[in-house]
């Protein structure tokens, strides 16, 4: 698997929900900022109650809190350039593999969610789409994260995010397109599932 493909997974684990933390400089909330703050309250309550290593049960609770922010279906569809050409069965297999990869990546390095805070920019909403620009402040680095939202029956959900100007969905889309070209459909699914399995093994070792 390419270095870029691995790095993209690290980006999901390290930054996707890191920017849900609300710092002292957070802007007054609109619906998108409020959604982020509410979700972060759940994350904070978990991490504050467990300042050390997280056991398996606590990790499961944290995963529920983190995954609630994401529209996996929208991200997966946007990341696959020939989604419309795929059969219902192929779409189902891919969607399951994609969500598994993202969920496991979220839990790969849970300590990255212990940050100093986030500065929120002004949110913008046009119809069923919205965006919030944030600056994540951590001990090691300051990172700009732009959040793209879609309105769903369950409320606003993250459908893409950019880290220092690099879109996660476009990054996936480019890498998946290359894998489709070189490995074919089954090769793409095998790579996604293999990466998810590898991350799962890393998590098991850390918990164990």
N, C-alpha and C. Protein backbone atom coordinates (compact mmCIF):
# COMPACT_ATOMS: atom_id res chain seq x y z
N UNK A 1 0.84 -1.18 0.00
CA UNK A 1 0.00 0.00 0.00
C UNK A 1 0.88 1.24 0.00
N UNK A 2 0.50 2.26 -0.74
CA UNK A 2 1.34 3.44 -0.90
C UNK A 2 1.48 4.22 0.39
N UNK A 3 2.57 4.99 0.48
CA UNK A 3 2.79 5.85 1.65
C UNK A 3 1.66 6.85 1.79
N UNK A 4 1.19 7.41 0.67
CA UNK A 4 0.11 8.39 0.73
C UNK A 4 -1.16 7.77 1.28
N UNK A 5 -1.44 6.50 0.88
CA UNK A 5 -2.65 5.83 1.37
C UNK A 5 -2.57 5.65 2.87
N UNK A 6 -1.41 5.25 3.38
CA UNK A 6 -1.24 5.09 4.82
C UNK A 6 -1.34 6.43 5.53
N UNK A 7 -0.73 7.47 4.93
CA UNK A 7 -0.76 8.78 5.57
C UNK A 7 -2.17 9.33 5.63
N UNK A 8 -2.98 9.05 4.64
CA UNK A 8 -4.37 9.50 4.66
C UNK A 8 -5.11 8.89 5.83
N UNK A 9 -4.85 7.61 6.11
CA UNK A 9 -5.51 6.97 7.24
C UNK A 9 -5.09 7.62 8.55
N UNK A 10 -3.78 7.95 8.64
CA UNK A 10 -3.30 8.62 9.84
C UNK A 10 -3.99 9.95 10.00
N UNK A 11 -4.20 10.66 8.86
CA UNK A 11 -4.91 11.94 8.93
C UNK A 11 -6.29 11.79 9.51
N UNK A 12 -6.99 10.73 9.11
CA UNK A 12 -8.32 10.50 9.68
C UNK A 12 -8.23 10.27 11.17
N UNK A 13 -7.31 9.40 11.57
CA UNK A 13 -7.21 9.07 12.99
C UNK A 13 -6.77 10.26 13.81
N UNK A 14 -5.84 11.04 13.28
CA UNK A 14 -5.22 12.07 14.10
C UNK A 14 -5.97 13.38 14.12
N UNK A 15 -6.76 13.67 13.08
CA UNK A 15 -7.30 15.01 13.00
C UNK A 15 -8.79 15.11 12.77
N UNK A 16 -9.42 14.03 12.37
CA UNK A 16 -10.82 14.17 11.98
C UNK A 16 -11.68 14.72 13.09
N UNK A 17 -11.56 14.14 14.28
CA UNK A 17 -12.39 14.62 15.37
C UNK A 17 -11.58 15.43 16.36
N UNK A 18 -10.27 15.50 16.18
CA UNK A 18 -9.47 16.36 17.05
C UNK A 18 -10.03 17.77 17.05
N UNK A 19 -10.45 18.26 15.91
CA UNK A 19 -10.91 19.64 15.82
C UNK A 19 -12.31 19.82 16.36
N UNK A 20 -12.86 18.83 17.03
CA UNK A 20 -14.14 19.00 17.67
C UNK A 20 -13.99 19.60 19.06
N UNK A 21 -12.76 19.79 19.51
CA UNK A 21 -12.57 20.36 20.84
C UNK A 21 -12.88 21.84 20.83
N UNK A 22 -13.50 22.31 21.88
CA UNK A 22 -13.85 23.73 21.99
C UNK A 22 -12.90 24.41 22.95
N UNK A 23 -12.14 25.37 22.46
CA UNK A 23 -11.21 26.11 23.30
C UNK A 23 -11.82 27.40 23.77
N UNK A 24 -11.11 28.15 24.60
CA UNK A 24 -11.63 29.40 25.14
C UNK A 24 -11.96 30.42 24.07
N UNK A 25 -11.26 30.33 22.90
CA UNK A 25 -11.46 31.32 21.85
C UNK A 25 -12.52 30.91 20.84
N UNK A 26 -13.31 29.88 21.15
CA UNK A 26 -14.30 29.41 20.20
C UNK A 26 -15.33 30.50 19.90
N UNK A 27 -15.71 30.59 18.63
CA UNK A 27 -16.68 31.60 18.21
C UNK A 27 -18.06 31.23 18.73
N UNK A 28 -18.95 32.24 18.79
CA UNK A 28 -20.33 31.96 19.16
C UNK A 28 -20.92 31.00 18.14
N UNK A 29 -21.78 30.10 18.61
CA UNK A 29 -22.17 28.98 17.77
C UNK A 29 -23.31 29.27 16.84
N UNK A 30 -23.19 28.74 15.62
CA UNK A 30 -24.30 28.49 14.74
C UNK A 30 -24.55 27.00 14.82
N UNK A 31 -25.43 26.45 13.97
CA UNK A 31 -25.76 25.03 14.08
C UNK A 31 -24.57 24.10 13.87
N UNK A 32 -23.63 24.47 13.00
CA UNK A 32 -22.49 23.60 12.75
C UNK A 32 -21.51 23.63 13.92
N UNK A 33 -21.16 24.82 14.37
CA UNK A 33 -20.26 24.94 15.52
C UNK A 33 -20.90 24.32 16.75
N UNK A 34 -22.19 24.55 16.94
CA UNK A 34 -22.88 23.97 18.09
C UNK A 34 -22.84 22.44 18.04
N UNK A 35 -23.00 21.87 16.83
CA UNK A 35 -22.95 20.42 16.69
C UNK A 35 -21.58 19.89 17.09
N UNK A 36 -20.54 20.60 16.70
CA UNK A 36 -19.18 20.19 17.05
C UNK A 36 -18.95 20.27 18.55
N UNK A 37 -19.42 21.35 19.14
CA UNK A 37 -19.23 21.52 20.59
C UNK A 37 -19.99 20.47 21.39
N UNK A 38 -21.21 20.19 20.98
CA UNK A 38 -21.99 19.18 21.68
C UNK A 38 -21.32 17.82 21.63
N UNK A 39 -20.83 17.47 20.46
CA UNK A 39 -20.15 16.19 20.32
C UNK A 39 -18.87 16.15 21.15
N UNK A 40 -18.19 17.30 21.17
CA UNK A 40 -16.94 17.34 21.93
C UNK A 40 -17.19 17.19 23.42
N UNK A 41 -18.32 17.67 23.89
CA UNK A 41 -18.64 17.50 25.31
C UNK A 41 -18.67 16.03 25.68
N UNK A 42 -19.18 15.20 24.78
CA UNK A 42 -19.19 13.76 25.03
C UNK A 42 -17.77 13.21 25.02
N UNK A 43 -16.98 13.65 24.06
CA UNK A 43 -15.60 13.16 23.96
C UNK A 43 -14.80 13.58 25.19
N UNK A 44 -14.95 14.84 25.59
CA UNK A 44 -14.24 15.34 26.77
C UNK A 44 -14.60 14.54 28.02
N UNK A 45 -15.86 14.24 28.18
CA UNK A 45 -16.29 13.53 29.39
C UNK A 45 -15.63 12.15 29.46
N UNK A 46 -15.45 11.53 28.30
CA UNK A 46 -14.81 10.22 28.26
C UNK A 46 -13.32 10.33 28.58
N UNK A 47 -12.65 11.25 27.90
CA UNK A 47 -11.20 11.37 28.07
C UNK A 47 -10.83 11.91 29.45
N UNK A 48 -11.60 12.84 29.98
CA UNK A 48 -11.31 13.38 31.30
C UNK A 48 -11.48 12.32 32.39
N UNK A 49 -12.42 11.41 32.17
CA UNK A 49 -12.64 10.34 33.14
C UNK A 49 -11.58 9.25 33.04
N UNK A 50 -10.85 9.24 31.93
CA UNK A 50 -9.83 8.22 31.71
C UNK A 50 -8.55 8.89 31.20
N UNK A 51 -7.80 9.54 32.08
CA UNK A 51 -6.61 10.28 31.66
C UNK A 51 -5.46 9.40 31.20
N UNK A 52 -5.50 8.13 31.52
CA UNK A 52 -4.43 7.23 31.10
C UNK A 52 -4.84 6.40 29.90
N UNK A 53 -4.32 5.19 29.85
CA UNK A 53 -4.61 4.27 28.76
C UNK A 53 -6.08 3.86 28.79
N UNK A 54 -6.70 3.79 27.62
CA UNK A 54 -8.12 3.44 27.55
C UNK A 54 -8.27 1.94 27.37
N UNK A 55 -9.20 1.35 28.13
CA UNK A 55 -9.47 -0.06 27.94
C UNK A 55 -10.43 -0.24 26.76
N UNK A 56 -10.71 -1.49 26.42
CA UNK A 56 -11.51 -1.78 25.23
C UNK A 56 -12.91 -1.19 25.33
N UNK A 57 -13.54 -1.29 26.51
CA UNK A 57 -14.90 -0.77 26.67
C UNK A 57 -14.94 0.74 26.50
N UNK A 58 -13.96 1.43 27.07
CA UNK A 58 -13.92 2.89 26.95
C UNK A 58 -13.64 3.30 25.51
N UNK A 59 -12.78 2.56 24.84
CA UNK A 59 -12.53 2.84 23.43
C UNK A 59 -13.81 2.70 22.61
N UNK A 60 -14.61 1.70 22.94
CA UNK A 60 -15.86 1.53 22.22
C UNK A 60 -16.79 2.71 22.42
N UNK A 61 -16.86 3.21 23.65
CA UNK A 61 -17.68 4.39 23.93
C UNK A 61 -17.16 5.61 23.18
N UNK A 62 -15.84 5.75 23.15
CA UNK A 62 -15.25 6.89 22.44
C UNK A 62 -15.51 6.79 20.94
N UNK A 63 -15.45 5.59 20.39
CA UNK A 63 -15.71 5.42 18.96
C UNK A 63 -17.12 5.86 18.60
N UNK A 64 -18.08 5.54 19.45
CA UNK A 64 -19.46 5.96 19.20
C UNK A 64 -19.54 7.48 19.14
N UNK A 65 -18.85 8.14 20.08
CA UNK A 65 -18.88 9.60 20.10
C UNK A 65 -18.21 10.19 18.86
N UNK A 66 -17.09 9.62 18.45
CA UNK A 66 -16.37 10.13 17.29
C UNK A 66 -17.12 9.87 16.00
N UNK A 67 -17.62 8.68 15.83
CA UNK A 67 -18.25 8.30 14.57
C UNK A 67 -19.56 9.02 14.33
N UNK A 68 -20.18 9.52 15.40
CA UNK A 68 -21.45 10.22 15.23
C UNK A 68 -21.34 11.48 14.39
N UNK A 69 -20.13 11.98 14.19
CA UNK A 69 -19.94 13.20 13.41
C UNK A 69 -19.96 12.96 11.91
N UNK A 70 -19.82 11.71 11.48
CA UNK A 70 -19.48 11.43 10.09
C UNK A 70 -20.64 10.85 9.30
N UNK A 71 -20.80 11.34 8.08
CA UNK A 71 -21.70 10.72 7.12
C UNK A 71 -20.84 9.78 6.28
N UNK A 72 -20.70 8.54 6.72
CA UNK A 72 -19.84 7.58 6.04
C UNK A 72 -20.27 7.36 4.60
N UNK A 73 -21.58 7.30 4.39
CA UNK A 73 -22.08 7.06 3.04
C UNK A 73 -21.67 8.15 2.08
N UNK A 74 -21.84 9.41 2.49
CA UNK A 74 -21.48 10.53 1.62
C UNK A 74 -19.99 10.56 1.33
N UNK A 75 -19.17 10.33 2.36
CA UNK A 75 -17.72 10.32 2.16
C UNK A 75 -17.31 9.19 1.21
N UNK A 76 -17.88 8.01 1.45
CA UNK A 76 -17.53 6.86 0.61
C UNK A 76 -17.92 7.06 -0.84
N UNK A 77 -19.11 7.57 -1.08
CA UNK A 77 -19.55 7.81 -2.46
C UNK A 77 -18.66 8.83 -3.16
N UNK A 78 -18.33 9.91 -2.45
CA UNK A 78 -17.51 10.94 -3.06
C UNK A 78 -16.08 10.47 -3.32
N UNK A 79 -15.62 9.50 -2.53
CA UNK A 79 -14.24 9.01 -2.68
C UNK A 79 -14.09 8.00 -3.81
N UNK A 80 -15.21 7.51 -4.35
CA UNK A 80 -15.16 6.50 -5.42
C UNK A 80 -15.66 7.10 -6.71
N UNK A 81 -14.76 7.33 -7.65
CA UNK A 81 -15.11 8.09 -8.85
C UNK A 81 -16.12 7.37 -9.73
N UNK A 82 -16.14 6.04 -9.71
CA UNK A 82 -17.10 5.32 -10.57
C UNK A 82 -18.23 4.68 -9.76
N UNK A 83 -18.62 5.36 -8.70
CA UNK A 83 -19.71 4.87 -7.87
C UNK A 83 -20.95 4.52 -8.70
N UNK A 84 -21.33 5.41 -9.61
CA UNK A 84 -22.55 5.21 -10.40
C UNK A 84 -22.47 3.98 -11.29
N UNK A 85 -21.27 3.57 -11.65
CA UNK A 85 -21.10 2.42 -12.53
C UNK A 85 -21.10 1.09 -11.78
N UNK A 86 -21.07 1.13 -10.46
CA UNK A 86 -20.99 -0.09 -9.67
C UNK A 86 -22.37 -0.66 -9.36
N UNK A 87 -22.43 -1.98 -9.26
CA UNK A 87 -23.69 -2.65 -8.96
C UNK A 87 -24.06 -2.43 -7.50
N UNK A 88 -25.32 -2.64 -7.14
CA UNK A 88 -25.71 -2.51 -5.74
C UNK A 88 -24.86 -3.38 -4.80
N UNK A 89 -24.54 -4.58 -5.24
CA UNK A 89 -23.73 -5.46 -4.39
C UNK A 89 -22.32 -4.90 -4.22
N UNK A 90 -21.75 -4.37 -5.30
CA UNK A 90 -20.41 -3.79 -5.21
C UNK A 90 -20.41 -2.57 -4.31
N UNK A 91 -21.43 -1.74 -4.45
CA UNK A 91 -21.52 -0.56 -3.60
C UNK A 91 -21.62 -0.95 -2.13
N UNK A 92 -22.40 -1.97 -1.86
CA UNK A 92 -22.57 -2.41 -0.47
C UNK A 92 -21.25 -2.92 0.10
N UNK A 93 -20.52 -3.74 -0.66
CA UNK A 93 -19.24 -4.26 -0.18
C UNK A 93 -18.24 -3.14 0.08
N UNK A 94 -18.20 -2.20 -0.85
CA UNK A 94 -17.28 -1.07 -0.72
C UNK A 94 -17.65 -0.21 0.48
N UNK A 95 -18.93 0.07 0.66
CA UNK A 95 -19.37 0.94 1.75
C UNK A 95 -19.02 0.33 3.10
N UNK A 96 -19.21 -0.97 3.24
CA UNK A 96 -18.87 -1.64 4.48
C UNK A 96 -17.36 -1.54 4.75
N UNK A 97 -16.56 -1.80 3.70
CA UNK A 97 -15.11 -1.74 3.86
C UNK A 97 -14.64 -0.32 4.18
N UNK A 98 -15.20 0.67 3.51
CA UNK A 98 -14.81 2.06 3.72
C UNK A 98 -15.12 2.49 5.15
N UNK A 99 -16.33 2.21 5.61
CA UNK A 99 -16.70 2.61 6.96
C UNK A 99 -15.83 1.90 8.00
N UNK A 100 -15.54 0.63 7.79
CA UNK A 100 -14.69 -0.09 8.73
C UNK A 100 -13.31 0.56 8.80
N UNK A 101 -12.77 0.94 7.66
CA UNK A 101 -11.45 1.57 7.63
C UNK A 101 -11.46 2.88 8.40
N UNK A 102 -12.48 3.72 8.17
CA UNK A 102 -12.54 5.01 8.84
C UNK A 102 -12.72 4.82 10.34
N UNK A 103 -13.63 3.94 10.73
CA UNK A 103 -13.87 3.72 12.15
C UNK A 103 -12.61 3.25 12.88
N UNK A 104 -11.90 2.32 12.28
CA UNK A 104 -10.68 1.84 12.93
C UNK A 104 -9.59 2.90 12.93
N UNK A 105 -9.53 3.68 11.87
CA UNK A 105 -8.53 4.74 11.82
C UNK A 105 -8.79 5.79 12.89
N UNK A 106 -10.06 6.06 13.16
CA UNK A 106 -10.40 7.02 14.20
C UNK A 106 -9.83 6.62 15.55
N UNK A 107 -9.77 5.32 15.80
CA UNK A 107 -9.37 4.82 17.10
C UNK A 107 -7.90 4.42 17.17
N UNK A 108 -7.16 4.70 16.12
CA UNK A 108 -5.78 4.22 16.06
C UNK A 108 -4.88 4.91 17.08
N UNK A 109 -5.02 6.21 17.24
CA UNK A 109 -4.17 6.97 18.15
C UNK A 109 -5.04 7.91 18.98
N UNK A 110 -5.66 7.38 20.00
CA UNK A 110 -6.67 8.15 20.72
C UNK A 110 -6.08 9.32 21.48
N UNK A 111 -4.82 9.27 21.82
CA UNK A 111 -4.23 10.38 22.59
C UNK A 111 -4.15 11.68 21.79
N UNK A 112 -4.29 11.61 20.46
CA UNK A 112 -4.25 12.84 19.68
C UNK A 112 -5.48 13.71 19.94
N UNK A 113 -6.52 13.13 20.55
CA UNK A 113 -7.71 13.91 20.85
C UNK A 113 -7.56 14.72 22.13
N UNK A 114 -6.45 14.55 22.81
CA UNK A 114 -6.15 15.35 24.00
C UNK A 114 -5.34 16.56 23.55
N UNK A 115 -6.03 17.63 23.19
CA UNK A 115 -5.37 18.80 22.62
C UNK A 115 -5.61 20.02 23.50
N UNK A 116 -4.97 21.14 23.12
CA UNK A 116 -5.10 22.37 23.90
C UNK A 116 -6.40 23.10 23.61
N UNK A 117 -6.89 23.02 22.38
CA UNK A 117 -8.13 23.71 22.04
C UNK A 117 -8.25 23.97 20.56
N UNK A 118 -9.34 24.61 20.18
CA UNK A 118 -9.64 24.91 18.78
C UNK A 118 -10.18 26.32 18.67
N UNK A 119 -9.73 27.04 17.67
CA UNK A 119 -10.29 28.35 17.33
C UNK A 119 -11.21 28.17 16.13
N UNK A 120 -12.45 28.65 16.26
CA UNK A 120 -13.44 28.49 15.20
C UNK A 120 -13.56 29.77 14.39
N UNK A 121 -13.63 29.60 13.07
CA UNK A 121 -13.96 30.71 12.19
C UNK A 121 -15.47 30.81 12.04
N UNK A 122 -15.91 31.70 11.18
CA UNK A 122 -17.34 31.87 10.93
C UNK A 122 -17.85 30.76 10.04
N UNK A 123 -18.94 30.13 10.43
CA UNK A 123 -19.49 29.06 9.60
C UNK A 123 -20.29 29.64 8.46
N UNK A 124 -20.31 28.92 7.34
CA UNK A 124 -21.10 29.33 6.19
C UNK A 124 -22.02 28.20 5.77
N UNK A 125 -23.28 28.51 5.52
CA UNK A 125 -24.26 27.51 5.11
C UNK A 125 -24.95 27.97 3.84
N UNK A 126 -25.00 27.08 2.85
CA UNK A 126 -25.74 27.32 1.61
C UNK A 126 -26.60 26.10 1.36
N UNK A 127 -27.89 26.26 1.54
CA UNK A 127 -28.80 25.13 1.35
C UNK A 127 -28.50 24.01 2.32
N UNK A 128 -28.22 22.83 1.78
CA UNK A 128 -27.96 21.65 2.59
C UNK A 128 -26.48 21.39 2.80
N UNK A 129 -25.65 22.38 2.53
CA UNK A 129 -24.21 22.22 2.70
C UNK A 129 -23.66 23.36 3.54
N UNK A 130 -22.63 23.05 4.31
CA UNK A 130 -22.03 24.06 5.17
C UNK A 130 -20.55 23.83 5.35
N UNK A 131 -19.90 24.82 5.95
CA UNK A 131 -18.45 24.74 6.15
C UNK A 131 -18.07 25.55 7.40
N UNK A 132 -17.11 25.00 8.13
CA UNK A 132 -16.52 25.69 9.26
C UNK A 132 -15.01 25.55 9.16
N UNK A 133 -14.31 26.69 9.24
CA UNK A 133 -12.85 26.67 9.28
C UNK A 133 -12.40 26.73 10.73
N UNK A 134 -11.46 25.87 11.07
CA UNK A 134 -10.96 25.82 12.44
C UNK A 134 -9.44 25.78 12.45
N UNK A 135 -8.89 26.14 13.60
CA UNK A 135 -7.44 26.01 13.84
C UNK A 135 -7.28 25.16 15.10
N UNK A 136 -6.66 24.02 14.93
CA UNK A 136 -6.45 23.09 16.03
C UNK A 136 -5.11 23.40 16.69
N UNK A 137 -5.15 23.62 18.00
CA UNK A 137 -3.92 23.94 18.74
C UNK A 137 -3.54 22.77 19.63
N UNK A 138 -2.37 22.21 19.34
CA UNK A 138 -1.82 21.11 20.13
C UNK A 138 -0.39 21.45 20.52
N UNK A 139 0.15 20.66 21.41
CA UNK A 139 1.50 20.93 21.90
C UNK A 139 2.52 20.88 20.77
N UNK A 140 2.37 19.91 19.87
CA UNK A 140 3.36 19.72 18.83
C UNK A 140 3.18 20.63 17.62
N UNK A 141 1.93 21.02 17.32
CA UNK A 141 1.70 21.75 16.08
C UNK A 141 0.35 22.47 16.12
N UNK A 142 0.22 23.43 15.23
CA UNK A 142 -1.05 24.11 14.99
C UNK A 142 -1.49 23.76 13.57
N UNK A 143 -2.72 23.30 13.42
CA UNK A 143 -3.19 22.78 12.14
C UNK A 143 -4.50 23.44 11.75
N UNK A 144 -4.60 23.84 10.48
CA UNK A 144 -5.85 24.39 9.95
C UNK A 144 -6.70 23.25 9.40
N UNK A 145 -7.93 23.17 9.87
CA UNK A 145 -8.86 22.13 9.42
C UNK A 145 -10.16 22.79 8.97
N UNK A 146 -10.53 22.56 7.73
CA UNK A 146 -11.79 23.06 7.19
C UNK A 146 -12.78 21.91 7.10
N UNK A 147 -13.95 22.09 7.70
CA UNK A 147 -14.96 21.04 7.78
C UNK A 147 -16.08 21.30 6.79
N UNK A 148 -16.39 20.30 5.98
CA UNK A 148 -17.52 20.35 5.05
C UNK A 148 -18.65 19.50 5.62
N UNK A 149 -19.84 20.08 5.66
CA UNK A 149 -21.00 19.41 6.24
C UNK A 149 -22.10 19.21 5.20
N UNK A 150 -22.90 18.19 5.42
CA UNK A 150 -24.12 17.99 4.65
C UNK A 150 -25.27 17.80 5.63
N UNK A 151 -26.42 18.38 5.28
CA UNK A 151 -27.61 18.21 6.12
C UNK A 151 -28.24 16.85 5.82
N UNK A 152 -28.48 16.06 6.83
CA UNK A 152 -29.09 14.74 6.68
C UNK A 152 -30.32 14.66 7.57
N UNK A 153 -31.14 13.61 7.43
CA UNK A 153 -32.30 13.46 8.33
C UNK A 153 -31.90 13.39 9.79
N UNK A 154 -30.64 13.02 10.07
CA UNK A 154 -30.15 12.94 11.44
C UNK A 154 -29.47 14.22 11.89
N UNK A 155 -29.47 15.24 11.04
CA UNK A 155 -28.80 16.48 11.37
C UNK A 155 -27.57 16.69 10.51
N UNK A 156 -26.77 17.69 10.87
CA UNK A 156 -25.55 17.98 10.11
C UNK A 156 -24.50 16.92 10.38
N UNK A 157 -23.86 16.44 9.29
CA UNK A 157 -22.80 15.45 9.40
C UNK A 157 -21.61 15.87 8.54
N UNK A 158 -20.42 15.48 8.99
CA UNK A 158 -19.20 15.77 8.24
C UNK A 158 -19.16 14.89 7.00
N UNK A 159 -18.99 15.52 5.83
CA UNK A 159 -18.88 14.76 4.59
C UNK A 159 -17.51 14.93 3.93
N UNK A 160 -16.68 15.82 4.46
CA UNK A 160 -15.30 15.97 4.01
C UNK A 160 -14.61 16.95 4.95
N UNK A 161 -13.31 16.90 4.97
CA UNK A 161 -12.54 17.88 5.72
C UNK A 161 -11.18 18.01 5.06
N UNK A 162 -10.61 19.20 5.19
CA UNK A 162 -9.30 19.49 4.60
C UNK A 162 -8.33 19.85 5.70
N UNK A 163 -7.16 19.25 5.67
CA UNK A 163 -6.11 19.52 6.62
C UNK A 163 -5.04 20.33 5.92
N UNK A 164 -4.84 21.56 6.39
CA UNK A 164 -3.89 22.47 5.75
C UNK A 164 -4.10 22.52 4.24
N UNK A 165 -5.37 22.58 3.84
CA UNK A 165 -5.73 22.74 2.44
C UNK A 165 -5.86 21.47 1.64
N UNK A 166 -5.61 20.31 2.24
CA UNK A 166 -5.68 19.04 1.51
C UNK A 166 -6.97 18.31 1.88
N UNK A 167 -7.84 18.12 0.89
CA UNK A 167 -9.13 17.47 1.10
C UNK A 167 -8.95 15.97 1.31
N UNK A 168 -9.57 15.45 2.36
CA UNK A 168 -9.51 14.03 2.63
C UNK A 168 -10.21 13.22 1.55
N UNK A 169 -11.40 13.66 1.15
CA UNK A 169 -12.16 12.93 0.14
C UNK A 169 -11.41 12.92 -1.19
N UNK A 170 -10.87 14.06 -1.59
CA UNK A 170 -10.13 14.09 -2.86
C UNK A 170 -8.88 13.23 -2.79
N UNK A 171 -8.26 13.18 -1.62
CA UNK A 171 -7.08 12.35 -1.45
C UNK A 171 -7.45 10.87 -1.61
N UNK A 172 -8.53 10.45 -0.94
CA UNK A 172 -9.02 9.09 -1.11
C UNK A 172 -9.36 8.81 -2.57
N UNK A 173 -10.07 9.74 -3.17
CA UNK A 173 -10.55 9.55 -4.54
C UNK A 173 -9.38 9.32 -5.50
N UNK A 174 -8.32 10.11 -5.32
CA UNK A 174 -7.15 9.96 -6.18
C UNK A 174 -6.48 8.60 -5.96
N UNK A 175 -6.33 8.21 -4.71
CA UNK A 175 -5.67 6.94 -4.43
C UNK A 175 -6.52 5.74 -4.84
N UNK A 176 -7.83 5.83 -4.62
CA UNK A 176 -8.71 4.74 -5.02
C UNK A 176 -8.72 4.60 -6.55
N UNK A 177 -8.69 5.72 -7.25
CA UNK A 177 -8.67 5.68 -8.71
C UNK A 177 -7.41 4.97 -9.21
N UNK A 178 -6.29 5.26 -8.56
CA UNK A 178 -5.03 4.61 -8.96
C UNK A 178 -5.07 3.12 -8.67
N UNK A 179 -5.62 2.74 -7.52
CA UNK A 179 -5.73 1.32 -7.19
C UNK A 179 -6.67 0.60 -8.15
N UNK A 180 -7.77 1.26 -8.54
CA UNK A 180 -8.68 0.65 -9.51
C UNK A 180 -7.98 0.43 -10.84
N UNK A 181 -7.16 1.38 -11.22
CA UNK A 181 -6.45 1.27 -12.50
C UNK A 181 -5.41 0.16 -12.48
N UNK A 182 -4.72 0.02 -11.36
CA UNK A 182 -3.61 -0.94 -11.29
C UNK A 182 -4.01 -2.30 -10.74
N UNK A 183 -5.01 -2.33 -9.83
CA UNK A 183 -5.37 -3.58 -9.16
C UNK A 183 -6.77 -4.07 -9.48
N UNK A 184 -7.60 -3.20 -10.05
CA UNK A 184 -8.96 -3.59 -10.34
C UNK A 184 -9.86 -3.47 -9.12
N UNK A 185 -11.15 -3.80 -9.32
CA UNK A 185 -12.13 -3.63 -8.27
C UNK A 185 -11.83 -4.49 -7.05
N UNK A 186 -11.59 -5.77 -7.28
CA UNK A 186 -11.29 -6.65 -6.16
C UNK A 186 -10.00 -6.24 -5.45
N UNK A 187 -9.03 -5.78 -6.24
CA UNK A 187 -7.79 -5.32 -5.64
C UNK A 187 -8.00 -4.13 -4.72
N UNK A 188 -8.88 -3.21 -5.13
CA UNK A 188 -9.19 -2.05 -4.29
C UNK A 188 -9.82 -2.50 -2.97
N UNK A 189 -10.83 -3.37 -3.06
CA UNK A 189 -11.49 -3.84 -1.85
C UNK A 189 -10.51 -4.58 -0.93
N UNK A 190 -9.64 -5.38 -1.54
CA UNK A 190 -8.67 -6.12 -0.74
C UNK A 190 -7.73 -5.17 0.00
N UNK A 191 -7.30 -4.11 -0.68
CA UNK A 191 -6.41 -3.14 -0.05
C UNK A 191 -7.10 -2.43 1.12
N UNK A 192 -8.33 -1.99 0.90
CA UNK A 192 -9.06 -1.30 1.96
C UNK A 192 -9.26 -2.23 3.16
N UNK A 193 -9.69 -3.46 2.90
CA UNK A 193 -9.93 -4.40 3.98
C UNK A 193 -8.64 -4.80 4.69
N UNK A 194 -7.56 -4.93 3.92
CA UNK A 194 -6.28 -5.29 4.51
C UNK A 194 -5.78 -4.18 5.43
N UNK A 195 -5.96 -2.94 4.99
CA UNK A 195 -5.51 -1.82 5.82
C UNK A 195 -6.34 -1.73 7.09
N UNK A 196 -7.65 -1.93 6.97
CA UNK A 196 -8.51 -1.92 8.15
C UNK A 196 -8.11 -3.02 9.12
N UNK A 197 -7.79 -4.20 8.59
CA UNK A 197 -7.38 -5.31 9.45
C UNK A 197 -6.06 -5.01 10.14
N UNK A 198 -5.13 -4.39 9.42
CA UNK A 198 -3.83 -4.06 10.01
C UNK A 198 -3.99 -3.05 11.15
N UNK A 199 -4.83 -2.06 10.95
CA UNK A 199 -5.06 -1.07 12.01
C UNK A 199 -5.75 -1.74 13.19
N UNK A 200 -6.69 -2.64 12.90
CA UNK A 200 -7.35 -3.36 13.98
C UNK A 200 -6.37 -4.16 14.83
N UNK A 201 -5.37 -4.75 14.18
CA UNK A 201 -4.35 -5.50 14.91
C UNK A 201 -3.52 -4.57 15.79
N UNK A 202 -3.20 -3.39 15.27
CA UNK A 202 -2.46 -2.41 16.06
C UNK A 202 -3.24 -2.02 17.31
N UNK A 203 -4.55 -1.82 17.14
CA UNK A 203 -5.39 -1.41 18.26
C UNK A 203 -5.46 -2.51 19.30
N UNK A 204 -5.60 -3.75 18.86
CA UNK A 204 -5.68 -4.87 19.79
C UNK A 204 -4.41 -4.99 20.62
N UNK A 205 -3.26 -4.78 20.00
CA UNK A 205 -1.99 -4.85 20.73
C UNK A 205 -1.90 -3.72 21.76
N UNK A 206 -2.38 -2.54 21.37
CA UNK A 206 -2.32 -1.41 22.30
C UNK A 206 -3.25 -1.62 23.48
N UNK A 207 -4.45 -2.13 23.23
CA UNK A 207 -5.39 -2.38 24.30
C UNK A 207 -4.94 -3.54 25.17
N UNK A 208 -4.42 -4.58 24.49
CA UNK A 208 -3.98 -5.76 25.23
C UNK A 208 -2.75 -5.50 26.04
